[in-house]
Amino acid sequence: MPSMVSRGRGRRTINEINMVPFIDVMLVLLIIFMVTAPLITPSVIDLPSVGKAARQPDQVIQIIIGKNESLELKLKDQTIQVRIAEVAAAVKKAQAGAENSAVVISADRNIKYETVVRVMDTLQRAGVQRVGLSVQLAN
C-alpha cells in the first residue's frame, strides 16, 4: 500500500519508486561476479604432441590435393591422378607390397578443410591405419 503523506488539507500518495533495494541487489550481484570471475578457468585445449615413431615407415604414400581439388597419388617417383572415390583402392594397392607404410596428405593452403577431411574419411573407412598431414613449419 503506497505511503500517505499529509500536506495541508488532504492526503496524497507518493508515486516515487524506492531505488535503495534495487541498488543493494545490484551491488551484491556485482560483488558476486567480481569474486567468481577470477575463479573461472578459461577452457584449455590439450593438443597432442608430435613425436618420433618407434619405427620409420618402409614407404611413404603421398596424396597431393591441388588448388582445383584434384588428387594425385605419389609413390616414390610415380605420380598417378586419382578421383576421391578411387583413392582408397589406390592406397590399398600401393600398401600391398609393404607391411609398414604411411600415408601423408599434402594439401594447398587455399583448399577447403572439408576436402581434406573427406579424403581422410575415405581412407579411414577403407581401413588405412597411418594417415598424417604434411605441414610447412614456420620460422
N, C-alpha and C. Protein backbone atom coordinates (compact mmCIF):
# COMPACT_ATOMS: atom_id res chain seq x y z
N MET A 1 0.85 -1.16 0.00
CA MET A 1 0.00 0.00 0.00
C MET A 1 0.90 1.23 0.00
N PRO A 2 0.67 2.17 -0.92
CA PRO A 2 1.51 3.35 -1.00
C PRO A 2 1.43 4.18 0.27
N SER A 3 2.53 4.83 0.53
CA SER A 3 2.60 5.68 1.73
C SER A 3 1.72 6.91 1.55
N MET A 4 1.26 7.34 2.63
CA MET A 4 0.41 8.53 2.60
C MET A 4 1.14 9.66 3.31
N VAL A 5 1.15 10.80 2.67
CA VAL A 5 1.79 11.97 3.25
C VAL A 5 0.74 13.05 3.40
N SER A 6 0.75 13.64 4.55
CA SER A 6 -0.26 14.69 4.74
C SER A 6 0.39 16.03 4.53
N ARG A 7 -0.15 16.77 3.60
CA ARG A 7 0.31 18.11 3.33
C ARG A 7 -0.91 19.00 3.31
N GLY A 8 -0.91 19.83 4.16
CA GLY A 8 -2.01 20.79 4.16
C GLY A 8 -3.36 20.13 4.37
N ARG A 9 -4.22 20.27 3.40
CA ARG A 9 -5.61 19.83 3.55
C ARG A 9 -5.80 18.34 3.40
N GLY A 10 -5.28 17.76 2.32
CA GLY A 10 -5.64 16.35 2.09
C GLY A 10 -4.43 15.43 2.10
N ARG A 11 -4.72 14.18 1.92
CA ARG A 11 -3.64 13.19 1.86
C ARG A 11 -3.32 12.90 0.40
N ARG A 12 -2.01 12.71 0.13
CA ARG A 12 -1.57 12.36 -1.22
C ARG A 12 -0.70 11.11 -1.16
N THR A 13 -0.74 10.32 -2.21
CA THR A 13 0.14 9.14 -2.27
C THR A 13 1.47 9.53 -2.90
N ILE A 14 2.54 8.86 -2.49
CA ILE A 14 3.86 9.12 -3.06
C ILE A 14 4.03 8.19 -4.26
N ASN A 15 4.28 8.76 -5.40
CA ASN A 15 4.41 7.97 -6.62
C ASN A 15 5.86 7.71 -7.00
N GLU A 16 6.78 7.79 -6.09
CA GLU A 16 8.18 7.57 -6.37
C GLU A 16 8.53 6.11 -6.09
N ILE A 17 9.49 5.59 -6.89
CA ILE A 17 9.97 4.22 -6.67
C ILE A 17 11.16 4.30 -5.72
N ASN A 18 11.17 3.42 -4.75
CA ASN A 18 12.28 3.38 -3.82
C ASN A 18 13.43 2.62 -4.48
N MET A 19 14.52 3.29 -4.82
CA MET A 19 15.64 2.71 -5.55
C MET A 19 16.65 2.01 -4.65
N VAL A 20 16.59 2.18 -3.36
CA VAL A 20 17.58 1.61 -2.46
C VAL A 20 17.64 0.08 -2.54
N PRO A 21 16.51 -0.66 -2.49
CA PRO A 21 16.62 -2.12 -2.61
C PRO A 21 17.20 -2.56 -3.96
N PHE A 22 16.86 -1.87 -5.02
CA PHE A 22 17.38 -2.19 -6.35
C PHE A 22 18.90 -2.02 -6.38
N ILE A 23 19.39 -0.92 -5.83
CA ILE A 23 20.83 -0.65 -5.80
C ILE A 23 21.53 -1.68 -4.92
N ASP A 24 20.92 -2.08 -3.81
CA ASP A 24 21.51 -3.10 -2.95
C ASP A 24 21.67 -4.42 -3.68
N VAL A 25 20.64 -4.83 -4.39
CA VAL A 25 20.70 -6.09 -5.13
C VAL A 25 21.77 -6.01 -6.22
N MET A 26 21.86 -4.90 -6.92
CA MET A 26 22.85 -4.75 -7.98
C MET A 26 24.27 -4.78 -7.42
N LEU A 27 24.50 -4.15 -6.27
CA LEU A 27 25.83 -4.18 -5.66
C LEU A 27 26.20 -5.59 -5.19
N VAL A 28 25.25 -6.32 -4.66
CA VAL A 28 25.52 -7.70 -4.25
C VAL A 28 25.88 -8.55 -5.46
N LEU A 29 25.13 -8.40 -6.56
CA LEU A 29 25.44 -9.14 -7.78
C LEU A 29 26.81 -8.76 -8.33
N LEU A 30 27.15 -7.50 -8.29
CA LEU A 30 28.46 -7.05 -8.76
C LEU A 30 29.58 -7.69 -7.94
N ILE A 31 29.40 -7.73 -6.63
CA ILE A 31 30.42 -8.34 -5.77
C ILE A 31 30.54 -9.83 -6.07
N ILE A 32 29.41 -10.51 -6.25
CA ILE A 32 29.44 -11.94 -6.57
C ILE A 32 30.20 -12.18 -7.87
N PHE A 33 29.92 -11.39 -8.91
CA PHE A 33 30.61 -11.57 -10.19
C PHE A 33 32.09 -11.23 -10.08
N MET A 34 32.43 -10.22 -9.29
CA MET A 34 33.83 -9.85 -9.14
C MET A 34 34.61 -10.93 -8.39
N VAL A 35 33.98 -11.62 -7.47
CA VAL A 35 34.66 -12.67 -6.71
C VAL A 35 34.78 -13.95 -7.54
N THR A 36 33.73 -14.29 -8.29
CA THR A 36 33.75 -15.57 -9.02
C THR A 36 34.46 -15.49 -10.36
N ALA A 37 34.61 -14.32 -10.96
CA ALA A 37 35.24 -14.21 -12.28
C ALA A 37 36.69 -14.73 -12.29
N PRO A 38 37.53 -14.39 -11.34
CA PRO A 38 38.90 -14.94 -11.37
C PRO A 38 38.96 -16.44 -11.12
N LEU A 39 37.95 -17.00 -10.52
CA LEU A 39 37.96 -18.43 -10.21
C LEU A 39 37.62 -19.29 -11.41
N ILE A 40 36.99 -18.71 -12.43
CA ILE A 40 36.62 -19.46 -13.62
C ILE A 40 37.84 -19.60 -14.50
N THR A 41 38.23 -20.84 -14.77
CA THR A 41 39.40 -21.07 -15.62
C THR A 41 38.96 -21.09 -17.07
N PRO A 42 39.71 -20.44 -17.95
CA PRO A 42 39.36 -20.50 -19.37
C PRO A 42 39.60 -21.91 -19.90
N SER A 43 38.83 -22.28 -20.90
CA SER A 43 38.97 -23.64 -21.43
C SER A 43 40.32 -23.77 -22.14
N VAL A 44 41.02 -24.81 -21.80
CA VAL A 44 42.32 -25.08 -22.37
C VAL A 44 42.22 -26.35 -23.18
N ILE A 45 42.70 -26.29 -24.39
CA ILE A 45 42.67 -27.47 -25.26
C ILE A 45 43.99 -28.20 -25.10
N ASP A 46 43.91 -29.47 -24.81
CA ASP A 46 45.10 -30.29 -24.66
C ASP A 46 45.44 -30.89 -26.03
N LEU A 47 46.35 -30.24 -26.74
CA LEU A 47 46.71 -30.69 -28.07
C LEU A 47 47.69 -31.85 -28.01
N PRO A 48 47.59 -32.76 -28.96
CA PRO A 48 48.55 -33.88 -28.96
C PRO A 48 49.93 -33.38 -29.36
N SER A 49 50.94 -34.02 -28.84
CA SER A 49 52.30 -33.63 -29.18
C SER A 49 52.80 -34.50 -30.33
N VAL A 50 53.74 -33.97 -31.05
CA VAL A 50 54.32 -34.69 -32.17
C VAL A 50 55.62 -35.29 -31.69
N GLY A 51 55.75 -36.54 -31.91
CA GLY A 51 56.97 -37.22 -31.52
C GLY A 51 57.43 -38.14 -32.64
N LYS A 52 58.53 -38.75 -32.44
CA LYS A 52 59.04 -39.67 -33.45
C LYS A 52 58.40 -41.03 -33.26
N ALA A 53 58.14 -41.67 -34.37
CA ALA A 53 57.57 -43.02 -34.31
C ALA A 53 58.66 -43.98 -33.86
N ALA A 54 58.22 -45.08 -33.28
CA ALA A 54 59.19 -46.08 -32.83
C ALA A 54 59.95 -46.66 -34.02
N ARG A 55 59.23 -46.80 -35.11
CA ARG A 55 59.84 -47.35 -36.31
C ARG A 55 59.48 -46.49 -37.51
N GLN A 56 60.44 -46.13 -38.31
CA GLN A 56 60.17 -45.34 -39.51
C GLN A 56 59.43 -46.21 -40.52
N PRO A 57 58.51 -45.62 -41.28
CA PRO A 57 57.78 -46.43 -42.26
C PRO A 57 58.69 -46.90 -43.39
N ASP A 58 58.36 -48.07 -43.92
CA ASP A 58 59.12 -48.62 -45.04
C ASP A 58 58.90 -47.78 -46.30
N GLN A 59 57.66 -47.34 -46.50
CA GLN A 59 57.36 -46.49 -47.66
C GLN A 59 56.36 -45.42 -47.24
N VAL A 60 56.44 -44.28 -47.92
CA VAL A 60 55.51 -43.18 -47.66
C VAL A 60 54.71 -42.95 -48.93
N ILE A 61 53.40 -43.04 -48.79
CA ILE A 61 52.49 -42.78 -49.90
C ILE A 61 51.96 -41.37 -49.69
N GLN A 62 52.16 -40.51 -50.68
CA GLN A 62 51.75 -39.11 -50.53
C GLN A 62 50.53 -38.85 -51.41
N ILE A 63 49.51 -38.24 -50.80
CA ILE A 63 48.32 -37.82 -51.54
C ILE A 63 48.38 -36.30 -51.60
N ILE A 64 48.42 -35.77 -52.83
CA ILE A 64 48.54 -34.33 -53.02
C ILE A 64 47.20 -33.80 -53.51
N ILE A 65 46.64 -32.83 -52.77
CA ILE A 65 45.39 -32.19 -53.17
C ILE A 65 45.75 -30.83 -53.75
N GLY A 66 45.49 -30.65 -55.05
CA GLY A 66 45.86 -29.43 -55.75
C GLY A 66 44.87 -28.30 -55.52
N LYS A 67 45.16 -27.15 -56.13
CA LYS A 67 44.31 -25.97 -55.96
C LYS A 67 42.90 -26.18 -56.49
N ASN A 68 42.76 -26.98 -57.53
CA ASN A 68 41.44 -27.22 -58.10
C ASN A 68 40.82 -28.51 -57.54
N GLU A 69 41.29 -28.93 -56.38
CA GLU A 69 40.81 -30.12 -55.65
C GLU A 69 41.05 -31.42 -56.42
N SER A 70 42.07 -31.42 -57.28
CA SER A 70 42.44 -32.65 -57.97
C SER A 70 43.36 -33.46 -57.05
N LEU A 71 43.25 -34.77 -57.12
CA LEU A 71 44.03 -35.64 -56.25
C LEU A 71 45.12 -36.35 -57.06
N GLU A 72 46.31 -36.39 -56.50
CA GLU A 72 47.41 -37.14 -57.08
C GLU A 72 47.98 -38.06 -56.02
N LEU A 73 48.28 -39.29 -56.41
CA LEU A 73 48.88 -40.25 -55.50
C LEU A 73 50.33 -40.40 -55.92
N LYS A 74 51.25 -40.10 -55.01
CA LYS A 74 52.67 -40.14 -55.33
C LYS A 74 53.33 -41.23 -54.50
N LEU A 75 53.97 -42.16 -55.19
CA LEU A 75 54.69 -43.25 -54.53
C LEU A 75 56.06 -43.33 -55.17
N LYS A 76 57.08 -43.02 -54.40
CA LYS A 76 58.46 -42.93 -54.88
C LYS A 76 58.53 -41.93 -56.02
N ASP A 77 58.80 -42.38 -57.24
CA ASP A 77 58.93 -41.46 -58.37
C ASP A 77 57.69 -41.46 -59.25
N GLN A 78 56.68 -42.21 -58.88
CA GLN A 78 55.47 -42.36 -59.67
C GLN A 78 54.37 -41.45 -59.17
N THR A 79 53.69 -40.74 -60.08
CA THR A 79 52.56 -39.91 -59.72
C THR A 79 51.37 -40.33 -60.56
N ILE A 80 50.24 -40.59 -59.88
CA ILE A 80 49.03 -41.07 -60.54
C ILE A 80 47.89 -40.12 -60.20
N GLN A 81 47.13 -39.70 -61.20
CA GLN A 81 45.92 -38.90 -60.97
C GLN A 81 44.80 -39.85 -60.54
N VAL A 82 44.12 -39.53 -59.44
CA VAL A 82 43.01 -40.36 -58.96
C VAL A 82 41.83 -39.47 -58.59
N ARG A 83 40.65 -40.09 -58.56
CA ARG A 83 39.47 -39.40 -58.07
C ARG A 83 39.28 -39.79 -56.61
N ILE A 84 38.44 -39.05 -55.90
CA ILE A 84 38.25 -39.31 -54.47
C ILE A 84 37.64 -40.69 -54.23
N ALA A 85 36.83 -41.16 -55.16
CA ALA A 85 36.22 -42.49 -55.00
C ALA A 85 37.25 -43.59 -55.17
N GLU A 86 38.32 -43.31 -55.91
CA GLU A 86 39.34 -44.34 -56.20
C GLU A 86 40.54 -44.25 -55.28
N VAL A 87 40.62 -43.22 -54.45
CA VAL A 87 41.84 -43.00 -53.67
C VAL A 87 42.07 -44.13 -52.66
N ALA A 88 41.05 -44.65 -52.05
CA ALA A 88 41.23 -45.71 -51.05
C ALA A 88 41.74 -46.99 -51.70
N ALA A 89 41.18 -47.33 -52.84
CA ALA A 89 41.62 -48.55 -53.54
C ALA A 89 43.06 -48.40 -54.02
N ALA A 90 43.43 -47.21 -54.50
CA ALA A 90 44.80 -46.98 -54.97
C ALA A 90 45.79 -47.05 -53.81
N VAL A 91 45.42 -46.52 -52.66
CA VAL A 91 46.32 -46.58 -51.49
C VAL A 91 46.45 -48.02 -51.00
N LYS A 92 45.36 -48.75 -50.96
CA LYS A 92 45.41 -50.16 -50.53
C LYS A 92 46.30 -50.96 -51.47
N LYS A 93 46.19 -50.68 -52.77
CA LYS A 93 47.01 -51.39 -53.75
C LYS A 93 48.49 -51.05 -53.55
N ALA A 94 48.78 -49.78 -53.27
CA ALA A 94 50.18 -49.37 -53.05
C ALA A 94 50.73 -49.93 -51.74
N GLN A 95 49.87 -50.11 -50.74
CA GLN A 95 50.31 -50.65 -49.45
C GLN A 95 50.49 -52.16 -49.47
N ALA A 96 49.99 -52.83 -50.48
CA ALA A 96 50.02 -54.29 -50.52
C ALA A 96 51.44 -54.85 -50.46
N GLY A 97 52.41 -54.14 -51.01
CA GLY A 97 53.78 -54.65 -51.03
C GLY A 97 54.51 -54.47 -49.70
N ALA A 98 54.23 -53.44 -48.96
CA ALA A 98 54.96 -53.15 -47.73
C ALA A 98 54.05 -53.31 -46.52
N GLU A 99 54.61 -53.86 -45.45
CA GLU A 99 53.78 -54.04 -44.25
C GLU A 99 53.72 -52.79 -43.39
N ASN A 100 54.77 -51.96 -43.42
CA ASN A 100 54.82 -50.75 -42.60
C ASN A 100 54.88 -49.54 -43.53
N SER A 101 53.71 -49.03 -43.91
CA SER A 101 53.68 -47.87 -44.79
C SER A 101 52.81 -46.78 -44.17
N ALA A 102 53.10 -45.56 -44.53
CA ALA A 102 52.36 -44.42 -44.00
C ALA A 102 51.81 -43.61 -45.17
N VAL A 103 50.66 -42.95 -44.92
CA VAL A 103 50.03 -42.10 -45.92
C VAL A 103 50.12 -40.67 -45.41
N VAL A 104 50.63 -39.78 -46.26
CA VAL A 104 50.75 -38.37 -45.90
C VAL A 104 49.91 -37.57 -46.89
N ILE A 105 49.04 -36.72 -46.36
CA ILE A 105 48.18 -35.87 -47.19
C ILE A 105 48.80 -34.47 -47.23
N SER A 106 49.09 -34.01 -48.44
CA SER A 106 49.60 -32.65 -48.65
C SER A 106 48.55 -31.88 -49.41
N ALA A 107 48.09 -30.79 -48.84
CA ALA A 107 47.03 -30.00 -49.49
C ALA A 107 47.47 -28.56 -49.63
N ASP A 108 46.99 -27.92 -50.68
CA ASP A 108 47.24 -26.50 -50.87
C ASP A 108 46.60 -25.72 -49.74
N ARG A 109 47.21 -24.62 -49.37
CA ARG A 109 46.72 -23.82 -48.24
C ARG A 109 45.32 -23.27 -48.48
N ASN A 110 44.95 -23.04 -49.72
CA ASN A 110 43.65 -22.43 -50.04
C ASN A 110 42.53 -23.44 -50.25
N ILE A 111 42.81 -24.71 -50.05
CA ILE A 111 41.79 -25.75 -50.21
C ILE A 111 40.86 -25.73 -49.02
N LYS A 112 39.60 -26.03 -49.26
CA LYS A 112 38.63 -26.12 -48.16
C LYS A 112 39.02 -27.26 -47.23
N TYR A 113 38.84 -27.04 -45.98
CA TYR A 113 39.12 -28.05 -44.95
C TYR A 113 38.27 -29.30 -45.19
N GLU A 114 37.08 -29.09 -45.71
CA GLU A 114 36.14 -30.18 -45.97
C GLU A 114 36.74 -31.19 -46.94
N THR A 115 37.48 -30.73 -47.93
CA THR A 115 38.07 -31.63 -48.92
C THR A 115 39.11 -32.55 -48.27
N VAL A 116 39.94 -31.98 -47.42
CA VAL A 116 40.97 -32.78 -46.73
C VAL A 116 40.30 -33.80 -45.80
N VAL A 117 39.27 -33.38 -45.10
CA VAL A 117 38.57 -34.30 -44.18
C VAL A 117 37.88 -35.41 -44.97
N ARG A 118 37.35 -35.07 -46.13
CA ARG A 118 36.69 -36.09 -46.96
C ARG A 118 37.69 -37.16 -47.39
N VAL A 119 38.90 -36.75 -47.78
CA VAL A 119 39.94 -37.71 -48.17
C VAL A 119 40.34 -38.56 -46.97
N MET A 120 40.53 -37.92 -45.82
CA MET A 120 40.90 -38.68 -44.61
C MET A 120 39.80 -39.67 -44.23
N ASP A 121 38.54 -39.26 -44.35
CA ASP A 121 37.42 -40.13 -44.02
C ASP A 121 37.37 -41.32 -44.97
N THR A 122 37.61 -41.07 -46.24
CA THR A 122 37.62 -42.16 -47.22
C THR A 122 38.71 -43.18 -46.89
N LEU A 123 39.89 -42.68 -46.51
CA LEU A 123 40.98 -43.59 -46.15
C LEU A 123 40.68 -44.35 -44.87
N GLN A 124 40.08 -43.69 -43.90
CA GLN A 124 39.75 -44.35 -42.64
C GLN A 124 38.71 -45.44 -42.84
N ARG A 125 37.71 -45.16 -43.67
CA ARG A 125 36.68 -46.18 -43.93
C ARG A 125 37.25 -47.38 -44.67
N ALA A 126 38.33 -47.17 -45.43
CA ALA A 126 38.95 -48.28 -46.16
C ALA A 126 39.90 -49.08 -45.27
N GLY A 127 40.13 -48.59 -44.04
CA GLY A 127 40.98 -49.32 -43.11
C GLY A 127 42.44 -48.94 -43.14
N VAL A 128 42.78 -47.81 -43.73
CA VAL A 128 44.17 -47.34 -43.76
C VAL A 128 44.52 -46.86 -42.36
N GLN A 129 45.63 -47.38 -41.80
CA GLN A 129 45.96 -47.12 -40.40
C GLN A 129 46.71 -45.82 -40.18
N ARG A 130 47.83 -45.64 -40.83
CA ARG A 130 48.69 -44.48 -40.55
C ARG A 130 48.45 -43.39 -41.58
N VAL A 131 47.71 -42.36 -41.19
CA VAL A 131 47.43 -41.22 -42.07
C VAL A 131 47.89 -39.96 -41.33
N GLY A 132 48.65 -39.14 -42.03
CA GLY A 132 49.15 -37.91 -41.43
C GLY A 132 48.97 -36.75 -42.39
N LEU A 133 49.19 -35.55 -41.87
CA LEU A 133 49.09 -34.34 -42.67
C LEU A 133 50.46 -33.72 -42.81
N SER A 134 50.78 -33.26 -44.00
CA SER A 134 52.03 -32.59 -44.24
C SER A 134 51.85 -31.10 -43.99
N VAL A 135 52.74 -30.49 -43.22
CA VAL A 135 52.67 -29.07 -42.92
C VAL A 135 54.02 -28.43 -43.17
N GLN A 136 53.98 -27.13 -43.36
CA GLN A 136 55.21 -26.37 -43.51
C GLN A 136 55.49 -25.69 -42.18
N LEU A 137 56.66 -25.88 -41.64
CA LEU A 137 56.99 -25.29 -40.35
C LEU A 137 57.30 -23.81 -40.52
N ALA A 138 56.78 -23.02 -39.60
CA ALA A 138 57.02 -21.57 -39.63
C ALA A 138 58.40 -21.29 -39.04
N ASN A 139 58.98 -20.21 -39.50
CA ASN A 139 60.33 -19.85 -38.99
C ASN A 139 60.25 -19.28 -37.62
